[in-house]
Amino acid sequence: MTSRRDFLKKAGLGGAAIGASALAAPAVVRAQAPIKWRMQTYAGATLGQFVTQPFVDAFNKAANGEMEIELFFADQIVPTGELFRALQAGTIDAVHSDDDSMAAPVEISLFGGYFPFATRSILDVPVLFQQYGLADIWREQYAKAGGVVWLSAAGQDPCHFNTKKPIKSVADLSGLKLYTFPTAGRFLAQFGVVPVVIPYEDAEVAVQTGELDGMSWSGITEDYTVGWADVTDYFTTNNISGAWIGSWFANEKKWAELPEHLKALYMACMESSHTFRNQWYWGGEAKLRATGDKLELTTIPAAEWREVEQAALKFWDEIAAESEIKAKVIEIFKQYNAVIDKAGFPYSVS
């Protein structure tokens, strides 16, 4: 028992001594500054709070101080048409935009935004990218361009017309000065539309001053959200594309430097934001057509609208003749549209 007491006493003293020593020695904490990124979106502040801000907020919270993304809206750092170059140069670290608006120097850039009649609904976009091979094509094209990594694509709203004058026939398009996307404008020009290129935030005032007759830039959800429904009077139910094709990009060097767990977190938050936009747009388009009181709905008769649809198919063939990679994308659009036409309702209402 004496030996046992001596042992316990010595052990206790030793433990106390060690504990005191540990408490006396100040812990050395090296606080690592968070990784800082700047992201710019194609959307203005009012729209951006729905289409891009949810991703940024979710990521910043989940990153737990390891990384912070600061979001800038349309044209705040650079004009939208210079987004690719700014991203490539490292002026900004990440971008949410369509390829067409940001003038990406890749052959497939014209398919971003609203490529005429390539899609019919918001879910067509992820299906085309994940099941029909567009993701591989986009990834390869940006790898060739260098400096920019393509991360993901998602759908948003369809492309309709919201205007000061009613559109009830194809002839009513003639002479309209519309704010629209580059490739959409190129297509619509054959029907007399005059595409007007101005900064996003100037579009509303341009309608009020008469510089614009309206927009062919969005669906009815955006018209009400950003205030365009307050300066235009009519919404045409015919659309030239069923969903906006938009992508998420990062500076290649900055992306490579991110730890793998932050890359995984970034991708998870981004994909989650796609889901939010799916329901926000899909529900908004239906509700505002049914209950909105600011825009009067007009429709071009189906038989006449087929003229525009047929013109789109001719436009597809013209684009396909420009290069092998464009022809490959057009073939995918044709394959997919053939599938949904055969599938019938609810995939196709025609």
Protein backbone atom coordinates (compact mmCIF):
# COMPACT_ATOMS: atom_id res chain seq x y z
CA MET A 1 0.00 0.00 0.00
CA THR A 2 2.90 2.36 0.79
CA SER A 3 4.40 1.81 -2.64
CA ARG A 4 0.99 2.30 -4.24
CA ARG A 5 0.41 5.59 -2.35
CA ASP A 6 3.86 6.85 -3.33
CA PHE A 7 3.16 6.00 -6.95
CA LEU A 8 -0.20 7.80 -6.98
CA LYS A 9 1.26 10.80 -5.20
CA LYS A 10 4.10 11.07 -7.67
CA ALA A 11 1.75 10.53 -10.60
CA GLY A 12 -0.59 13.23 -9.30
CA LEU A 13 2.26 15.66 -8.81
CA GLY A 14 3.58 14.83 -12.24
CA GLY A 15 0.16 15.31 -13.80
CA ALA A 16 -0.29 18.62 -12.00
CA ALA A 17 3.14 19.73 -13.07
CA ILE A 18 2.44 18.81 -16.67
CA GLY A 19 -0.98 20.50 -16.53
CA ALA A 20 0.51 23.66 -15.05
CA SER A 21 3.21 23.65 -17.67
CA ALA A 22 0.65 23.27 -20.45
CA LEU A 23 -1.48 26.08 -19.06
CA ALA A 24 1.49 28.35 -18.62
CA ALA A 25 2.67 27.96 -22.21
CA PRO A 26 0.59 30.26 -24.43
CA ALA A 27 -0.93 28.55 -27.48
CA VAL A 28 0.43 29.78 -30.77
CA VAL A 29 -2.56 30.41 -33.10
CA ARG A 30 -1.75 31.39 -36.62
CA ALA A 31 -4.90 32.88 -38.12
CA GLN A 32 -4.83 32.36 -41.84
CA ALA A 33 -6.46 35.12 -43.85
CA PRO A 34 -9.42 33.87 -45.87
CA ILE A 35 -9.08 33.36 -49.60
CA LYS A 36 -10.78 36.31 -51.28
CA TRP A 37 -12.52 36.09 -54.64
CA ARG A 38 -14.38 38.67 -56.69
CA MET A 39 -17.29 37.43 -58.81
CA GLN A 40 -19.26 39.39 -61.38
CA THR A 41 -22.66 38.35 -62.70
CA TYR A 42 -24.40 39.35 -65.92
CA ALA A 43 -27.45 40.36 -63.84
CA GLY A 44 -28.20 43.74 -62.34
CA ALA A 45 -28.58 44.07 -58.58
CA THR A 46 -32.35 43.51 -58.48
CA LEU A 47 -32.23 40.32 -60.54
CA GLY A 48 -28.86 39.26 -59.18
CA GLN A 49 -30.26 38.82 -55.67
CA PHE A 50 -32.24 35.86 -57.02
CA VAL A 51 -29.97 34.36 -59.68
CA THR A 52 -26.47 34.70 -58.21
CA GLN A 53 -26.58 36.01 -54.63
CA PRO A 54 -28.02 32.76 -53.15
CA PHE A 55 -24.92 30.89 -54.29
CA VAL A 56 -22.55 33.48 -52.84
CA ASP A 57 -24.38 33.62 -49.50
CA ALA A 58 -24.52 29.83 -49.19
CA PHE A 59 -20.85 29.40 -50.06
CA ASN A 60 -19.58 32.14 -47.75
CA LYS A 61 -21.53 30.67 -44.83
CA ALA A 62 -20.41 27.09 -45.49
CA ALA A 63 -16.76 28.09 -46.08
CA ASN A 64 -16.61 29.06 -42.38
CA GLY A 65 -14.10 31.84 -42.81
CA GLU A 66 -11.70 29.93 -45.08
CA MET A 67 -12.89 31.74 -48.20
CA GLU A 68 -15.07 34.74 -49.04
CA ILE A 69 -16.63 35.68 -52.36
CA GLU A 70 -17.58 39.30 -53.01
CA LEU A 71 -20.32 39.64 -55.61
CA PHE A 72 -20.50 42.43 -58.18
CA PHE A 73 -23.48 42.96 -60.47
CA ALA A 74 -23.76 43.78 -64.17
CA ASP A 75 -21.02 46.12 -65.42
CA GLN A 76 -19.81 47.08 -61.92
CA ILE A 77 -16.18 46.06 -62.50
CA VAL A 78 -16.10 45.64 -66.28
CA PRO A 79 -18.79 45.79 -68.99
CA THR A 80 -20.51 42.44 -69.52
CA GLY A 81 -18.94 42.15 -72.97
CA GLU A 82 -15.49 42.19 -71.37
CA LEU A 83 -16.15 39.55 -68.70
CA PHE A 84 -14.19 36.79 -70.39
CA ARG A 85 -11.06 38.88 -70.88
CA ALA A 86 -11.23 40.22 -67.32
CA LEU A 87 -11.63 36.70 -65.95
CA GLN A 88 -8.79 35.37 -68.07
CA ALA A 89 -6.53 38.20 -66.93
CA GLY A 90 -7.42 37.69 -63.26
CA THR A 91 -9.10 41.08 -62.85
CA ILE A 92 -12.03 39.07 -61.50
CA ASP A 93 -11.95 35.51 -60.21
CA ALA A 94 -15.35 34.10 -61.14
CA VAL A 95 -18.24 34.83 -63.49
CA HIS A 96 -21.90 33.89 -63.85
CA SER A 97 -23.03 34.73 -67.38
CA ASP A 98 -23.99 33.36 -70.74
CA ASP A 99 -21.16 32.82 -73.23
CA ASP A 100 -22.80 35.04 -75.85
CA SER A 101 -23.11 38.20 -73.74
CA MET A 102 -19.58 37.98 -72.36
CA ALA A 103 -18.08 37.56 -75.84
CA ALA A 104 -16.20 34.38 -74.99
CA PRO A 105 -13.66 33.68 -77.77
CA VAL A 106 -14.81 30.09 -78.24
CA GLU A 107 -16.73 28.65 -81.17
CA ILE A 108 -19.67 27.61 -79.02
CA SER A 109 -20.22 31.07 -77.48
CA LEU A 110 -23.25 31.86 -79.69
CA PHE A 111 -25.12 28.90 -78.16
CA GLY A 112 -25.09 30.56 -74.74
CA GLY A 113 -27.93 32.89 -73.86
CA TYR A 114 -30.86 32.31 -76.19
CA PHE A 115 -30.01 30.24 -79.24
CA PRO A 116 -33.25 30.27 -81.27
CA PHE A 117 -35.55 27.35 -80.41
CA ALA A 118 -32.75 25.18 -79.00
CA THR A 119 -34.74 24.61 -75.80
CA ARG A 120 -38.38 24.53 -74.77
CA SER A 121 -38.18 24.53 -70.98
CA ILE A 122 -35.75 25.19 -68.15
CA LEU A 123 -34.89 21.52 -67.53
CA ASP A 124 -33.78 21.04 -71.13
CA VAL A 125 -30.51 22.79 -70.29
CA PRO A 126 -29.12 20.37 -67.64
CA VAL A 127 -30.34 17.42 -69.72
CA LEU A 128 -28.51 18.66 -72.81
CA PHE A 129 -25.33 19.25 -70.84
CA GLN A 130 -25.32 16.14 -68.67
CA GLN A 131 -27.04 13.55 -70.87
CA TYR A 132 -26.34 14.70 -74.41
CA GLY A 133 -22.68 15.71 -74.12
CA LEU A 134 -22.69 19.51 -74.17
CA ALA A 135 -20.75 19.64 -70.88
CA ASP A 136 -17.78 17.85 -72.46
CA ILE A 137 -17.84 20.18 -75.47
CA TRP A 138 -17.97 23.31 -73.27
CA ARG A 139 -15.21 22.03 -71.00
CA GLU A 140 -12.92 21.29 -73.96
CA GLN A 141 -13.61 24.60 -75.69
CA TYR A 142 -12.66 26.66 -72.64
CA ALA A 143 -9.61 24.51 -71.98
CA LYS A 144 -8.42 25.40 -75.49
CA ALA A 145 -9.07 29.10 -74.92
CA GLY A 146 -6.92 28.97 -71.76
CA GLY A 147 -7.06 30.93 -68.55
CA VAL A 148 -10.72 30.17 -67.82
CA VAL A 149 -12.35 27.05 -66.42
CA TRP A 150 -15.95 26.25 -67.36
CA LEU A 151 -17.69 24.75 -64.32
CA SER A 152 -21.39 24.25 -65.00
CA ALA A 153 -24.40 25.34 -67.05
CA ALA A 154 -28.00 25.75 -66.01
CA GLY A 155 -31.28 26.94 -67.45
CA GLN A 156 -33.31 29.98 -66.55
CA ASP A 157 -36.30 31.73 -68.07
CA PRO A 158 -37.60 31.61 -71.67
CA CYS A 159 -37.09 34.51 -74.09
CA HIS A 160 -40.29 36.44 -74.82
CA PHE A 161 -41.08 39.99 -75.94
CA ASN A 162 -42.20 42.71 -73.54
CA THR A 163 -42.99 45.84 -75.48
CA LYS A 164 -44.76 49.21 -75.57
CA LYS A 165 -46.73 48.11 -78.65
CA PRO A 166 -48.78 44.91 -78.91
CA ILE A 167 -47.30 42.07 -80.98
CA LYS A 168 -50.07 40.00 -82.56
CA SER A 169 -48.39 39.01 -85.81
CA VAL A 170 -44.88 38.44 -87.12
CA ALA A 171 -45.22 41.68 -89.10
CA ASP A 172 -45.53 43.58 -85.81
CA LEU A 173 -41.89 42.76 -85.07
CA SER A 174 -40.69 44.90 -87.95
CA GLY A 175 -38.98 48.10 -86.86
CA LEU A 176 -39.01 47.31 -83.15
CA LYS A 177 -35.90 48.48 -81.32
CA LEU A 178 -35.28 45.75 -78.77
CA TYR A 179 -32.71 45.09 -76.07
CA THR A 180 -31.67 41.50 -76.66
CA PHE A 181 -28.76 39.05 -76.76
CA PRO A 182 -26.25 39.10 -79.64
CA THR A 183 -27.25 35.84 -81.33
CA ALA A 184 -30.96 36.33 -80.64
CA GLY A 185 -30.66 39.76 -82.24
CA ARG A 186 -28.88 38.31 -85.25
CA PHE A 187 -31.76 35.86 -85.74
CA LEU A 188 -34.56 38.38 -85.14
CA ALA A 189 -33.08 40.92 -87.55
CA GLN A 190 -34.52 38.96 -90.50
CA PHE A 191 -37.99 39.88 -89.21
CA GLY A 192 -37.15 43.58 -89.04
CA VAL A 193 -36.13 43.76 -85.38
CA VAL A 194 -33.44 46.34 -84.64
CA PRO A 195 -31.18 44.91 -81.88
CA VAL A 196 -29.90 47.61 -79.53
CA VAL A 197 -26.79 47.10 -77.39
CA ILE A 198 -26.76 49.14 -74.17
CA PRO A 199 -25.70 48.46 -70.56
CA TYR A 200 -28.20 46.26 -68.71
CA GLU A 201 -29.08 48.88 -66.10
CA ASP A 202 -29.89 51.44 -68.82
CA ALA A 203 -32.59 49.34 -70.52
CA GLU A 204 -35.52 50.54 -68.38
CA VAL A 205 -34.75 54.22 -68.91
CA ALA A 206 -34.15 53.60 -72.63
CA VAL A 207 -37.75 52.41 -72.97
CA GLN A 208 -38.99 55.54 -71.19
CA THR A 209 -36.98 57.81 -73.49
CA GLY A 210 -38.02 55.97 -76.65
CA GLU A 211 -34.56 54.62 -77.43
CA LEU A 212 -36.08 51.15 -77.01
CA ASP A 213 -39.51 49.75 -77.85
CA GLY A 214 -38.98 46.95 -75.37
CA MET A 215 -36.96 43.84 -74.67
CA SER A 216 -36.52 40.34 -75.99
CA TRP A 217 -34.30 39.38 -73.10
CA SER A 218 -36.31 37.38 -70.58
CA GLY A 219 -39.52 35.80 -69.42
CA ILE A 220 -42.27 37.45 -67.43
CA THR A 221 -40.64 36.68 -64.05
CA GLU A 222 -37.76 39.03 -64.82
CA ASP A 223 -40.06 41.64 -66.36
CA TYR A 224 -41.85 42.01 -63.04
CA THR A 225 -38.78 41.53 -60.83
CA VAL A 226 -36.53 44.15 -62.40
CA GLY A 227 -39.18 46.76 -63.18
CA TRP A 228 -39.54 46.27 -66.92
CA ALA A 229 -43.24 45.50 -66.45
CA ASP A 230 -43.57 49.07 -65.16
CA VAL A 231 -42.34 50.66 -68.40
CA THR A 232 -43.75 48.25 -71.02
CA ASP A 233 -47.38 47.30 -71.61
CA TYR A 234 -47.52 43.97 -73.46
CA PHE A 235 -46.07 40.48 -73.08
CA THR A 236 -46.05 38.10 -76.07
CA THR A 237 -46.63 34.48 -75.07
CA ASN A 238 -44.65 33.15 -78.05
CA ASN A 239 -40.98 32.70 -77.23
CA ILE A 240 -37.90 32.29 -79.39
CA SER A 241 -36.21 30.00 -76.88
CA GLY A 242 -37.53 28.00 -73.95
CA ALA A 243 -34.63 28.62 -71.58
CA TRP A 244 -31.58 30.82 -71.15
CA ILE A 245 -28.34 28.84 -71.22
CA GLY A 246 -26.01 30.36 -68.66
CA SER A 247 -22.71 29.13 -67.24
CA TRP A 248 -20.40 29.52 -64.27
CA PHE A 249 -16.71 30.14 -64.81
CA ALA A 250 -13.54 30.62 -62.77
CA ASN A 251 -10.06 31.93 -63.44
CA GLU A 252 -7.97 28.85 -64.24
CA LYS A 253 -5.06 29.67 -61.92
CA LYS A 254 -7.27 30.64 -58.99
CA TRP A 255 -9.35 27.48 -59.39
CA ALA A 256 -6.24 25.29 -59.47
CA GLU A 257 -4.99 26.88 -56.25
CA LEU A 258 -8.16 26.13 -54.28
CA PRO A 259 -7.96 23.21 -51.81
CA GLU A 260 -10.00 20.24 -52.95
CA HIS A 261 -12.53 20.58 -50.14
CA LEU A 262 -13.27 24.18 -51.15
CA LYS A 263 -13.67 23.14 -54.78
CA ALA A 264 -16.16 20.49 -53.69
CA LEU A 265 -18.02 23.01 -51.54
CA TYR A 266 -18.08 25.55 -54.38
CA MET A 267 -19.55 23.00 -56.79
CA ALA A 268 -22.14 21.82 -54.26
CA CYS A 269 -23.36 25.36 -53.53
CA MET A 270 -23.44 26.16 -57.24
CA GLU A 271 -25.53 23.09 -58.09
CA SER A 272 -27.87 23.91 -55.21
CA SER A 273 -28.35 27.40 -56.62
CA HIS A 274 -29.43 25.83 -59.94
CA THR A 275 -32.25 24.07 -58.11
CA PHE A 276 -33.42 27.34 -56.55
CA ARG A 277 -33.55 29.09 -59.92
CA ASN A 278 -35.46 26.18 -61.48
CA GLN A 279 -38.39 26.58 -59.11
CA TRP A 280 -38.19 30.39 -58.91
CA TYR A 281 -38.47 30.82 -62.67
CA TRP A 282 -40.85 27.93 -63.41
CA GLY A 283 -43.31 29.02 -60.74
CA GLY A 284 -42.93 32.70 -61.53
CA GLU A 285 -43.61 32.32 -65.25
CA ALA A 286 -46.91 30.54 -64.59
CA LYS A 287 -48.10 32.72 -61.70
CA LEU A 288 -47.42 36.05 -63.40
CA ARG A 289 -49.06 35.02 -66.65
CA ALA A 290 -52.10 33.92 -64.68
CA THR A 291 -52.31 36.68 -62.09
CA GLY A 292 -50.01 39.54 -63.15
CA ASP A 293 -51.81 42.82 -63.70
CA LYS A 294 -49.13 44.97 -65.32
CA LEU A 295 -48.65 43.36 -68.76
CA GLU A 296 -51.40 42.49 -71.23
CA LEU A 297 -50.77 39.10 -72.86
CA THR A 298 -50.74 38.85 -76.66
CA THR A 299 -50.13 35.85 -78.93
CA ILE A 300 -49.02 35.40 -82.51
CA PRO A 301 -51.23 32.65 -84.04
CA ALA A 302 -49.53 29.24 -84.10
CA ALA A 303 -49.81 28.87 -87.88
CA GLU A 304 -48.02 32.19 -88.38
CA TRP A 305 -45.47 31.50 -85.64
CA ARG A 306 -44.39 28.37 -87.52
CA GLU A 307 -42.80 30.76 -90.02
CA VAL A 308 -40.40 31.83 -87.26
CA GLU A 309 -39.79 28.23 -86.18
CA GLN A 310 -38.95 27.22 -89.75
CA ALA A 311 -36.61 30.19 -90.06
CA ALA A 312 -34.83 28.94 -86.91
CA LEU A 313 -34.16 25.55 -88.51
CA LYS A 314 -32.64 27.31 -91.52
CA PHE A 315 -30.59 29.43 -89.11
CA TRP A 316 -29.37 26.23 -87.42
CA ASP A 317 -28.12 24.87 -90.74
CA GLU A 318 -26.33 28.13 -91.52
CA ILE A 319 -24.56 27.98 -88.15
CA ALA A 320 -23.71 24.28 -88.58
CA ALA A 321 -21.97 25.07 -91.87
CA GLU A 322 -19.56 27.44 -90.11
CA SER A 323 -17.47 24.81 -88.33
CA GLU A 324 -17.26 21.18 -87.26
CA ILE A 325 -17.82 21.91 -83.58
CA LYS A 326 -20.87 24.08 -84.30
CA ALA A 327 -22.27 21.31 -86.49
CA LYS A 328 -21.77 18.88 -83.58
CA VAL A 329 -23.76 21.08 -81.21
CA ILE A 330 -26.54 21.61 -83.76
CA GLU A 331 -26.78 17.85 -84.26
CA ILE A 332 -27.26 17.41 -80.51
CA PHE A 333 -30.06 20.00 -80.54
CA LYS A 334 -31.72 18.14 -83.42
CA GLN A 335 -31.42 14.78 -81.68
CA TYR A 336 -32.87 16.11 -78.44
CA ASN A 337 -35.75 17.93 -80.11
CA ALA A 338 -36.61 14.77 -82.06
CA VAL A 339 -36.76 12.85 -78.77
CA ILE A 340 -39.06 15.31 -76.98
CA ASP A 341 -41.30 15.63 -80.05
CA LYS A 342 -41.73 11.87 -80.10
CA ALA A 343 -42.20 11.71 -76.33
CA GLY A 344 -45.12 14.12 -76.48
CA PHE A 345 -46.77 15.81 -73.53
CA PRO A 346 -45.43 17.06 -71.12
CA TYR A 347 -42.09 17.15 -72.93
CA SER A 348 -43.59 18.65 -76.06
CA VAL A 349 -46.94 20.37 -76.49
CA SER A 350 -46.80 20.43 -80.28
